PDB file of all heavy atoms in Angstrom:
ATOM      1  N   LEU A   1      -0.147  -1.340 -22.113  1.00  0.00           N
ATOM      2  CA  LEU A   1       0.774  -2.175 -21.339  1.00  0.00           C
ATOM      3  C   LEU A   1       0.978  -3.554 -21.972  1.00  0.00           C
ATOM      4  O   LEU A   1       2.032  -4.171 -21.792  1.00  0.00           O
ATOM      5  CB  LEU A   1       0.261  -2.333 -19.915  1.00  0.00           C
ATOM      6  CG  LEU A   1       0.294  -1.072 -19.056  1.00  0.00           C
ATOM      7  CD1 LEU A   1      -0.302  -1.352 -17.691  1.00  0.00           C
ATOM      8  CD2 LEU A   1       1.698  -0.545 -18.919  1.00  0.00           C
ATOM      9  N   THR A   2       0.009  -4.022 -22.709  1.00  0.00           N
ATOM     10  CA  THR A   2       0.125  -5.351 -23.326  1.00  0.00           C
ATOM     11  C   THR A   2       1.198  -5.387 -24.409  1.00  0.00           C
ATOM     12  O   THR A   2       1.659  -6.473 -24.768  1.00  0.00           O
ATOM     13  CB  THR A   2      -1.234  -5.778 -23.924  1.00  0.00           C
ATOM     14  OG1 THR A   2      -1.666  -4.764 -24.836  1.00  0.00           O
ATOM     15  CG2 THR A   2      -2.266  -5.989 -22.845  1.00  0.00           C
ATOM     16  N   GLU A   3       1.603  -4.227 -24.926  1.00  0.00           N
ATOM     17  CA  GLU A   3       2.624  -4.198 -25.984  1.00  0.00           C
ATOM     18  C   GLU A   3       4.038  -4.033 -25.436  1.00  0.00           C
ATOM     19  O   GLU A   3       4.992  -4.035 -26.198  1.00  0.00           O
ATOM     20  CB  GLU A   3       2.301  -3.069 -26.971  1.00  0.00           C
ATOM     21  CG  GLU A   3       1.026  -3.302 -27.749  1.00  0.00           C
ATOM     22  CD  GLU A   3       0.764  -2.219 -28.770  1.00  0.00           C
ATOM     23  OE1 GLU A   3       1.695  -1.438 -29.059  1.00  0.00           O
ATOM     24  OE2 GLU A   3      -0.358  -2.163 -29.268  1.00  0.00           O
ATOM     25  N   HIS A   4       4.188  -3.899 -24.130  1.00  0.00           N
ATOM     26  CA  HIS A   4       5.508  -3.793 -23.516  1.00  0.00           C
ATOM     27  C   HIS A   4       5.995  -5.166 -23.110  1.00  0.00           C
ATOM     28  O   HIS A   4       5.203  -6.043 -22.745  1.00  0.00           O
ATOM     29  CB  HIS A   4       5.457  -2.900 -22.272  1.00  0.00           C
ATOM     30  CG  HIS A   4       5.264  -1.454 -22.576  1.00  0.00           C
ATOM     31  ND1 HIS A   4       6.267  -0.640 -23.012  1.00  0.00           N
ATOM     32  CD2 HIS A   4       4.157  -0.669 -22.500  1.00  0.00           C
ATOM     33  CE1 HIS A   4       5.814   0.577 -23.183  1.00  0.00           C
ATOM     34  NE2 HIS A   4       4.516   0.598 -22.891  1.00  0.00           N
ATOM     35  N   SER A   5       7.324  -5.349 -23.142  1.00  0.00           N
ATOM     36  CA  SER A   5       7.874  -6.624 -22.679  1.00  0.00           C
ATOM     37  C   SER A   5       7.860  -6.652 -21.152  1.00  0.00           C
ATOM     38  O   SER A   5       7.680  -5.623 -20.488  1.00  0.00           O
ATOM     39  CB  SER A   5       9.316  -6.780 -23.196  1.00  0.00           C
ATOM     40  OG  SER A   5      10.156  -5.849 -22.561  1.00  0.00           O
ATOM     41  N   VAL A   6       8.067  -7.839 -20.585  1.00  0.00           N
ATOM     42  CA  VAL A   6       8.084  -7.983 -19.130  1.00  0.00           C
ATOM     43  C   VAL A   6       9.246  -7.177 -18.531  1.00  0.00           C
ATOM     44  O   VAL A   6       9.103  -6.580 -17.463  1.00  0.00           O
ATOM     45  CB  VAL A   6       8.172  -9.480 -18.733  1.00  0.00           C
ATOM     46  CG1 VAL A   6       8.304  -9.635 -17.236  1.00  0.00           C
ATOM     47  CG2 VAL A   6       6.965 -10.234 -19.243  1.00  0.00           C
ATOM     48  N   GLU A   7      10.379  -7.153 -19.231  1.00  0.00           N
ATOM     49  CA  GLU A   7      11.517  -6.382 -18.745  1.00  0.00           C
ATOM     50  C   GLU A   7      11.189  -4.895 -18.705  1.00  0.00           C
ATOM     51  O   GLU A   7      11.541  -4.193 -17.758  1.00  0.00           O
ATOM     52  CB  GLU A   7      12.748  -6.621 -19.641  1.00  0.00           C
ATOM     53  CG  GLU A   7      13.321  -8.015 -19.540  1.00  0.00           C
ATOM     54  CD  GLU A   7      12.563  -9.033 -20.387  1.00  0.00           C
ATOM     55  OE1 GLU A   7      11.817  -8.617 -21.310  1.00  0.00           O
ATOM     56  OE2 GLU A   7      12.680 -10.227 -20.111  1.00  0.00           O
ATOM     57  N   GLU A   8      10.499  -4.393 -19.732  1.00  0.00           N
ATOM     58  CA  GLU A   8      10.088  -2.991 -19.738  1.00  0.00           C
ATOM     59  C   GLU A   8       9.102  -2.707 -18.612  1.00  0.00           C
ATOM     60  O   GLU A   8       9.186  -1.674 -17.951  1.00  0.00           O
ATOM     61  CB  GLU A   8       9.454  -2.619 -21.085  1.00  0.00           C
ATOM     62  CG  GLU A   8      10.422  -2.553 -22.241  1.00  0.00           C
ATOM     63  CD  GLU A   8       9.717  -2.307 -23.555  1.00  0.00           C
ATOM     64  OE1 GLU A   8       8.573  -2.765 -23.740  1.00  0.00           O
ATOM     65  OE2 GLU A   8      10.344  -1.654 -24.428  1.00  0.00           O
ATOM     66  N   LEU A   9       8.172  -3.631 -18.403  1.00  0.00           N
ATOM     67  CA  LEU A   9       7.201  -3.448 -17.331  1.00  0.00           C
ATOM     68  C   LEU A   9       7.872  -3.426 -15.966  1.00  0.00           C
ATOM     69  O   LEU A   9       7.526  -2.622 -15.101  1.00  0.00           O
ATOM     70  CB  LEU A   9       6.140  -4.550 -17.381  1.00  0.00           C
ATOM     71  CG  LEU A   9       5.153  -4.492 -18.545  1.00  0.00           C
ATOM     72  CD1 LEU A   9       4.282  -5.740 -18.571  1.00  0.00           C
ATOM     73  CD2 LEU A   9       4.302  -3.256 -18.466  1.00  0.00           C
ATOM     74  N   ASN A  10       8.847  -4.302 -15.766  1.00  0.00           N
ATOM     75  CA  ASN A  10       9.572  -4.319 -14.499  1.00  0.00           C
ATOM     76  C   ASN A  10      10.357  -3.030 -14.312  1.00  0.00           C
ATOM     77  O   ASN A  10      10.436  -2.503 -13.206  1.00  0.00           O
ATOM     78  CB  ASN A  10      10.501  -5.514 -14.413  1.00  0.00           C
ATOM     79  CG  ASN A  10       9.774  -6.766 -13.986  1.00  0.00           C
ATOM     80  OD1 ASN A  10       8.879  -6.714 -13.149  1.00  0.00           O
ATOM     81  ND2 ASN A  10      10.153  -7.905 -14.548  1.00  0.00           N
ATOM     82  N   GLY A  11      10.935  -2.500 -15.391  1.00  0.00           N
ATOM     83  CA  GLY A  11      11.643  -1.221 -15.319  1.00  0.00           C
ATOM     84  C   GLY A  11      10.692  -0.083 -14.974  1.00  0.00           C
ATOM     85  O   GLY A  11      11.019   0.786 -14.144  1.00  0.00           O
ATOM     86  N   MET A  12       9.529  -0.084 -15.590  1.00  0.00           N
ATOM     87  CA  MET A  12       8.529   0.933 -15.288  1.00  0.00           C
ATOM     88  C   MET A  12       8.067   0.821 -13.832  1.00  0.00           C
ATOM     89  O   MET A  12       7.895   1.827 -13.159  1.00  0.00           O
ATOM     90  CB  MET A  12       7.348   0.800 -16.246  1.00  0.00           C
ATOM     91  CG  MET A  12       7.679   1.189 -17.667  1.00  0.00           C
ATOM     92  SD  MET A  12       6.497   0.711 -18.959  1.00  0.00           S
ATOM     93  CE  MET A  12       4.934   1.090 -18.320  1.00  0.00           C
ATOM     94  N   ARG A  13       7.902  -0.407 -13.363  1.00  0.00           N
ATOM     95  CA  ARG A  13       7.468  -0.640 -11.980  1.00  0.00           C
ATOM     96  C   ARG A  13       8.499  -0.096 -11.000  1.00  0.00           C
ATOM     97  O   ARG A  13       8.165   0.592 -10.026  1.00  0.00           O
ATOM     98  CB  ARG A  13       7.242  -2.128 -11.744  1.00  0.00           C
ATOM     99  CG  ARG A  13       6.776  -2.459 -10.331  1.00  0.00           C
ATOM    100  CD  ARG A  13       6.685  -3.958 -10.094  1.00  0.00           C
ATOM    101  NE  ARG A  13       7.903  -4.681 -10.397  1.00  0.00           N
ATOM    102  CZ  ARG A  13       8.944  -4.795  -9.559  1.00  0.00           C
ATOM    103  NH1 ARG A  13       8.914  -4.240  -8.384  1.00  0.00           N
ATOM    104  NH2 ARG A  13      10.010  -5.484  -9.910  1.00  0.00           N
ATOM    105  N   LYS A  14       9.774  -0.370 -11.257  1.00  0.00           N
ATOM    106  CA  LYS A  14      10.840   0.112 -10.378  1.00  0.00           C
ATOM    107  C   LYS A  14      10.917   1.634 -10.386  1.00  0.00           C
ATOM    108  O   LYS A  14      11.130   2.259  -9.333  1.00  0.00           O
ATOM    109  CB  LYS A  14      12.189  -0.488 -10.792  1.00  0.00           C
ATOM    110  CG  LYS A  14      12.310  -1.964 -10.476  1.00  0.00           C
ATOM    111  CD  LYS A  14      13.638  -2.499 -10.935  1.00  0.00           C
ATOM    112  CE  LYS A  14      13.736  -3.997 -10.678  1.00  0.00           C
ATOM    113  NZ  LYS A  14      15.002  -4.541 -11.203  1.00  0.00           N
ATOM    114  N   THR A  15      10.756   2.230 -11.545  1.00  0.00           N
ATOM    115  CA  THR A  15      10.819   3.692 -11.643  1.00  0.00           C
ATOM    116  C   THR A  15       9.687   4.341 -10.872  1.00  0.00           C
ATOM    117  O   THR A  15       9.919   5.273 -10.086  1.00  0.00           O
ATOM    118  CB  THR A  15      10.755   4.120 -13.125  1.00  0.00           C
ATOM    119  OG1 THR A  15      11.857   3.541 -13.830  1.00  0.00           O
ATOM    120  CG2 THR A  15      10.792   5.629 -13.266  1.00  0.00           C
ATOM    121  N   ILE A  16       8.476   3.855 -11.072  1.00  0.00           N
ATOM    122  CA  ILE A  16       7.323   4.433 -10.376  1.00  0.00           C
ATOM    123  C   ILE A  16       7.427   4.190  -8.873  1.00  0.00           C
ATOM    124  O   ILE A  16       7.078   5.065  -8.068  1.00  0.00           O
ATOM    125  CB  ILE A  16       6.007   3.883 -10.950  1.00  0.00           C
ATOM    126  CG1 ILE A  16       5.828   4.382 -12.395  1.00  0.00           C
ATOM    127  CG2 ILE A  16       4.818   4.308 -10.113  1.00  0.00           C
ATOM    128  CD1 ILE A  16       4.627   3.813 -13.098  1.00  0.00           C
ATOM    129  N   THR A  17       7.930   3.031  -8.476  1.00  0.00           N
ATOM    130  CA  THR A  17       8.107   2.746  -7.054  1.00  0.00           C
ATOM    131  C   THR A  17       9.104   3.729  -6.430  1.00  0.00           C
ATOM    132  O   THR A  17       8.886   4.221  -5.324  1.00  0.00           O
ATOM    133  CB  THR A  17       8.573   1.297  -6.848  1.00  0.00           C
ATOM    134  OG1 THR A  17       7.603   0.415  -7.432  1.00  0.00           O
ATOM    135  CG2 THR A  17       8.726   0.955  -5.377  1.00  0.00           C
ATOM    136  N   GLY A  18      10.183   4.015  -7.136  1.00  0.00           N
ATOM    137  CA  GLY A  18      11.158   4.995  -6.641  1.00  0.00           C
ATOM    138  C   GLY A  18      10.572   6.396  -6.521  1.00  0.00           C
ATOM    139  O   GLY A  18      10.806   7.096  -5.530  1.00  0.00           O
ATOM    140  N   ILE A  19       9.805   6.795  -7.523  1.00  0.00           N
ATOM    141  CA  ILE A  19       9.156   8.100  -7.486  1.00  0.00           C
ATOM    142  C   ILE A  19       8.197   8.182  -6.316  1.00  0.00           C
ATOM    143  O   ILE A  19       8.163   9.174  -5.581  1.00  0.00           O
ATOM    144  CB  ILE A  19       8.425   8.376  -8.823  1.00  0.00           C
ATOM    145  CG1 ILE A  19       9.442   8.566  -9.944  1.00  0.00           C
ATOM    146  CG2 ILE A  19       7.502   9.578  -8.708  1.00  0.00           C
ATOM    147  CD1 ILE A  19       8.845   8.586 -11.337  1.00  0.00           C
ATOM    148  N   LEU A  20       7.416   7.126  -6.111  1.00  0.00           N
ATOM    149  CA  LEU A  20       6.456   7.116  -5.005  1.00  0.00           C
ATOM    150  C   LEU A  20       7.163   7.095  -3.646  1.00  0.00           C
ATOM    151  O   LEU A  20       6.647   7.665  -2.676  1.00  0.00           O
ATOM    152  CB  LEU A  20       5.502   5.932  -5.129  1.00  0.00           C
ATOM    153  CG  LEU A  20       4.457   6.071  -6.240  1.00  0.00           C
ATOM    154  CD1 LEU A  20       3.708   4.756  -6.426  1.00  0.00           C
ATOM    155  CD2 LEU A  20       3.502   7.197  -5.935  1.00  0.00           C
ATOM    156  N   ALA A  21       8.326   6.473  -3.566  1.00  0.00           N
ATOM    157  CA  ALA A  21       9.071   6.465  -2.301  1.00  0.00           C
ATOM    158  C   ALA A  21       9.536   7.871  -1.955  1.00  0.00           C
ATOM    159  O   ALA A  21       9.435   8.302  -0.789  1.00  0.00           O
ATOM    160  CB  ALA A  21      10.265   5.516  -2.409  1.00  0.00           C
ATOM    161  N   VAL A  22      10.040   8.597  -2.939  1.00  0.00           N
ATOM    162  CA  VAL A  22      10.476   9.975  -2.702  1.00  0.00           C
ATOM    163  C   VAL A  22       9.288  10.854  -2.320  1.00  0.00           C
ATOM    164  O   VAL A  22       9.355  11.644  -1.371  1.00  0.00           O
ATOM    165  CB  VAL A  22      11.195  10.539  -3.948  1.00  0.00           C
ATOM    166  CG1 VAL A  22      11.431  12.034  -3.828  1.00  0.00           C
ATOM    167  CG2 VAL A  22      12.501   9.809  -4.181  1.00  0.00           C
ATOM    168  N   MET A  23       8.180  10.697  -3.040  1.00  0.00           N
ATOM    169  CA  MET A  23       6.988  11.496  -2.733  1.00  0.00           C
ATOM    170  C   MET A  23       6.429  11.148  -1.363  1.00  0.00           C
ATOM    171  O   MET A  23       5.976  12.031  -0.628  1.00  0.00           O
ATOM    172  CB  MET A  23       5.940  11.296  -3.819  1.00  0.00           C
ATOM    173  CG  MET A  23       6.358  11.888  -5.147  1.00  0.00           C
ATOM    174  SD  MET A  23       5.250  11.498  -6.484  1.00  0.00           S
ATOM    175  CE  MET A  23       3.812  12.364  -6.016  1.00  0.00           C
ATOM    176  N   GLY A  24       6.478   9.884  -0.989  1.00  0.00           N
ATOM    177  CA  GLY A  24       6.017   9.478   0.336  1.00  0.00           C
ATOM    178  C   GLY A  24       6.883  10.058   1.433  1.00  0.00           C
ATOM    179  O   GLY A  24       6.379  10.492   2.475  1.00  0.00           O
ATOM    180  N   ALA A  25       8.197  10.093   1.205  1.00  0.00           N
ATOM    181  CA  ALA A  25       9.105  10.674   2.194  1.00  0.00           C
ATOM    182  C   ALA A  25       8.825  12.175   2.357  1.00  0.00           C
ATOM    183  O   ALA A  25       8.799  12.700   3.470  1.00  0.00           O
ATOM    184  CB  ALA A  25      10.557  10.442   1.790  1.00  0.00           C
ATOM    185  N   LEU A  26       8.625  12.847   1.232  1.00  0.00           N
ATOM    186  CA  LEU A  26       8.297  14.280   1.297  1.00  0.00           C
ATOM    187  C   LEU A  26       6.979  14.501   2.030  1.00  0.00           C
ATOM    188  O   LEU A  26       6.862  15.438   2.839  1.00  0.00           O
ATOM    189  CB  LEU A  26       8.212  14.871  -0.110  1.00  0.00           C
ATOM    190  CG  LEU A  26       9.537  15.065  -0.829  1.00  0.00           C
ATOM    191  CD1 LEU A  26       9.289  15.496  -2.273  1.00  0.00           C
ATOM    192  CD2 LEU A  26      10.392  16.086  -0.118  1.00  0.00           C
ATOM    193  N   LEU A  27       6.016  13.652   1.769  1.00  0.00           N
ATOM    194  CA  LEU A  27       4.718  13.777   2.430  1.00  0.00           C
ATOM    195  C   LEU A  27       4.853  13.571   3.941  1.00  0.00           C
ATOM    196  O   LEU A  27       4.273  14.333   4.732  1.00  0.00           O
ATOM    197  CB  LEU A  27       3.724  12.782   1.832  1.00  0.00           C
ATOM    198  CG  LEU A  27       2.277  12.915   2.250  1.00  0.00           C
ATOM    199  CD1 LEU A  27       1.718  14.267   1.849  1.00  0.00           C
ATOM    200  CD2 LEU A  27       1.456  11.818   1.609  1.00  0.00           C
ATOM    201  N   LEU A  28       5.629  12.593   4.333  1.00  0.00           N
ATOM    202  CA  LEU A  28       5.857  12.355   5.770  1.00  0.00           C
ATOM    203  C   LEU A  28       6.580  13.534   6.430  1.00  0.00           C
ATOM    204  O   LEU A  28       6.246  13.910   7.555  1.00  0.00           O
ATOM    205  CB  LEU A  28       6.649  11.073   5.986  1.00  0.00           C
ATOM    206  CG  LEU A  28       5.873   9.771   5.784  1.00  0.00           C
ATOM    207  CD1 LEU A  28       6.818   8.578   5.910  1.00  0.00           C
ATOM    208  CD2 LEU A  28       4.755   9.664   6.799  1.00  0.00           C
ATOM    209  N   LEU A  29       7.559  14.108   5.734  1.00  0.00           N
ATOM    210  CA  LEU A  29       8.251  15.266   6.276  1.00  0.00           C
ATOM    211  C   LEU A  29       7.297  16.448   6.440  1.00  0.00           C
ATOM    212  O   LEU A  29       7.331  17.146   7.457  1.00  0.00           O
ATOM    213  CB  LEU A  29       9.419  15.654   5.383  1.00  0.00           C
ATOM    214  CG  LEU A  29      10.630  14.729   5.429  1.00  0.00           C
ATOM    215  CD1 LEU A  29      11.632  15.089   4.359  1.00  0.00           C
ATOM    216  CD2 LEU A  29      11.276  14.791   6.807  1.00  0.00           C
ATOM    217  N   TYR A  30       6.469  16.678   5.425  1.00  0.00           N
ATOM    218  CA  TYR A  30       5.479  17.765   5.504  1.00  0.00           C
ATOM    219  C   TYR A  30       4.545  17.551   6.696  1.00  0.00           C
ATOM    220  O   TYR A  30       4.329  18.464   7.497  1.00  0.00           O
ATOM    221  CB  TYR A  30       4.635  17.791   4.235  1.00  0.00           C
ATOM    222  CG  TYR A  30       4.979  18.893   3.264  1.00  0.00           C
ATOM    223  CD1 TYR A  30       5.374  18.585   1.962  1.00  0.00           C
ATOM    224  CD2 TYR A  30       4.862  20.230   3.610  1.00  0.00           C
ATOM    225  CE1 TYR A  30       5.664  19.588   1.054  1.00  0.00           C
ATOM    226  CE2 TYR A  30       5.141  21.224   2.716  1.00  0.00           C
ATOM    227  CZ  TYR A  30       5.542  20.904   1.436  1.00  0.00           C
ATOM    228  OH  TYR A  30       5.814  21.885   0.546  1.00  0.00           O
ATOM    229  N   VAL A  31       3.980  16.365   6.797  1.00  0.00           N
ATOM    230  CA  VAL A  31       3.024  16.085   7.871  1.00  0.00           C
ATOM    231  C   VAL A  31       3.712  16.170   9.230  1.00  0.00           C
ATOM    232  O   VAL A  31       3.157  16.716  10.191  1.00  0.00           O
ATOM    233  CB  VAL A  31       2.357  14.709   7.650  1.00  0.00           C
ATOM    234  CG1 VAL A  31       1.567  14.274   8.873  1.00  0.00           C
ATOM    235  CG2 VAL A  31       1.463  14.752   6.431  1.00  0.00           C
ATOM    236  N   GLY A  32       4.930  15.667   9.323  1.00  0.00           N
ATOM    237  CA  GLY A  32       5.674  15.755  10.583  1.00  0.00           C
ATOM    238  C   GLY A  32       5.951  17.194  10.970  1.00  0.00           C
ATOM    239  O   GLY A  32       5.803  17.578  12.143  1.00  0.00           O
ATOM    240  N   TYR A  33       6.323  18.024  10.011  1.00  0.00           N
ATOM    241  CA  TYR A  33       6.596  19.417  10.292  1.00  0.00           C
ATOM    242  C   TYR A  33       5.333  20.124  10.786  1.00  0.00           C
ATOM    243  O   TYR A  33       5.363  20.836  11.786  1.00  0.00           O
ATOM    244  CB  TYR A  33       7.158  20.133   9.065  1.00  0.00           C
ATOM    245  CG  TYR A  33       7.248  21.628   9.240  1.00  0.00           C
ATOM    246  CD1 TYR A  33       8.225  22.187  10.059  1.00  0.00           C
ATOM    247  CD2 TYR A  33       6.347  22.484   8.627  1.00  0.00           C
ATOM    248  CE1 TYR A  33       8.307  23.561  10.238  1.00  0.00           C
ATOM    249  CE2 TYR A  33       6.417  23.854   8.803  1.00  0.00           C
ATOM    250  CZ  TYR A  33       7.407  24.386   9.612  1.00  0.00           C
ATOM    251  OH  TYR A  33       7.472  25.740   9.787  1.00  0.00           O
ATOM    252  N   TYR A  34       4.241  19.926  10.075  1.00  0.00           N
ATOM    253  CA  TYR A  34       3.013  20.602  10.474  1.00  0.00           C
ATOM    254  C   TYR A  34       2.444  20.045  11.771  1.00  0.00           C
ATOM    255  O   TYR A  34       1.827  20.776  12.548  1.00  0.00           O
ATOM    256  CB  TYR A  34       1.981  20.587   9.348  1.00  0.00           C
ATOM    257  CG  TYR A  34       2.347  21.593   8.293  1.00  0.00           C
ATOM    258  CD1 TYR A  34       2.751  21.185   7.039  1.00  0.00           C
ATOM    259  CD2 TYR A  34       2.325  22.944   8.560  1.00  0.00           C
ATOM    260  CE1 TYR A  34       3.110  22.101   6.063  1.00  0.00           C
ATOM    261  CE2 TYR A  34       2.685  23.871   7.615  1.00  0.00           C
ATOM    262  CZ  TYR A  34       3.083  23.451   6.359  1.00  0.00           C
ATOM    263  OH  TYR A  34       3.445  24.370   5.426  1.00  0.00           O
ATOM    264  N   GLY A  35       2.681  18.783  12.045  1.00  0.00           N
ATOM    265  CA  GLY A  35       2.325  18.232  13.342  1.00  0.00           C
ATOM    266  C   GLY A  35       3.117  18.880  14.466  1.00  0.00           C
ATOM    267  O   GLY A  35       2.578  19.212  15.520  1.00  0.00           O
ATOM    268  N   TYR A  36       4.413  19.086  14.213  1.00  0.00           N
ATOM    269  CA  TYR A  36       5.276  19.750  15.192  1.00  0.00           C
ATOM    270  C   TYR A  36       4.814  21.183  15.416  1.00  0.00           C
ATOM    271  O   TYR A  36       4.752  21.658  16.570  1.00  0.00           O
ATOM    272  CB  TYR A  36       6.723  19.713  14.711  1.00  0.00           C
ATOM    273  CG  TYR A  36       7.652  20.570  15.527  1.00  0.00           C
ATOM    274  CD1 TYR A  36       8.093  20.146  16.772  1.00  0.00           C
ATOM    275  CD2 TYR A  36       8.085  21.805  15.065  1.00  0.00           C
ATOM    276  CE1 TYR A  36       8.944  20.930  17.541  1.00  0.00           C
ATOM    277  CE2 TYR A  36       8.922  22.593  15.816  1.00  0.00           C
ATOM    278  CZ  TYR A  36       9.352  22.154  17.052  1.00  0.00           C
ATOM    279  OH  TYR A  36      10.188  22.921  17.805  1.00  0.00           O
TER     280      TYR A  36
END
């Protein structure tokens, strides 16, 4: 990570945050369905 620029790090952060948001939504849907 020390060899990446701040712009690259911010891009990586946004990408991983988006991936985690989708995975979190899927997880909530799964848990909600099984709770139902």
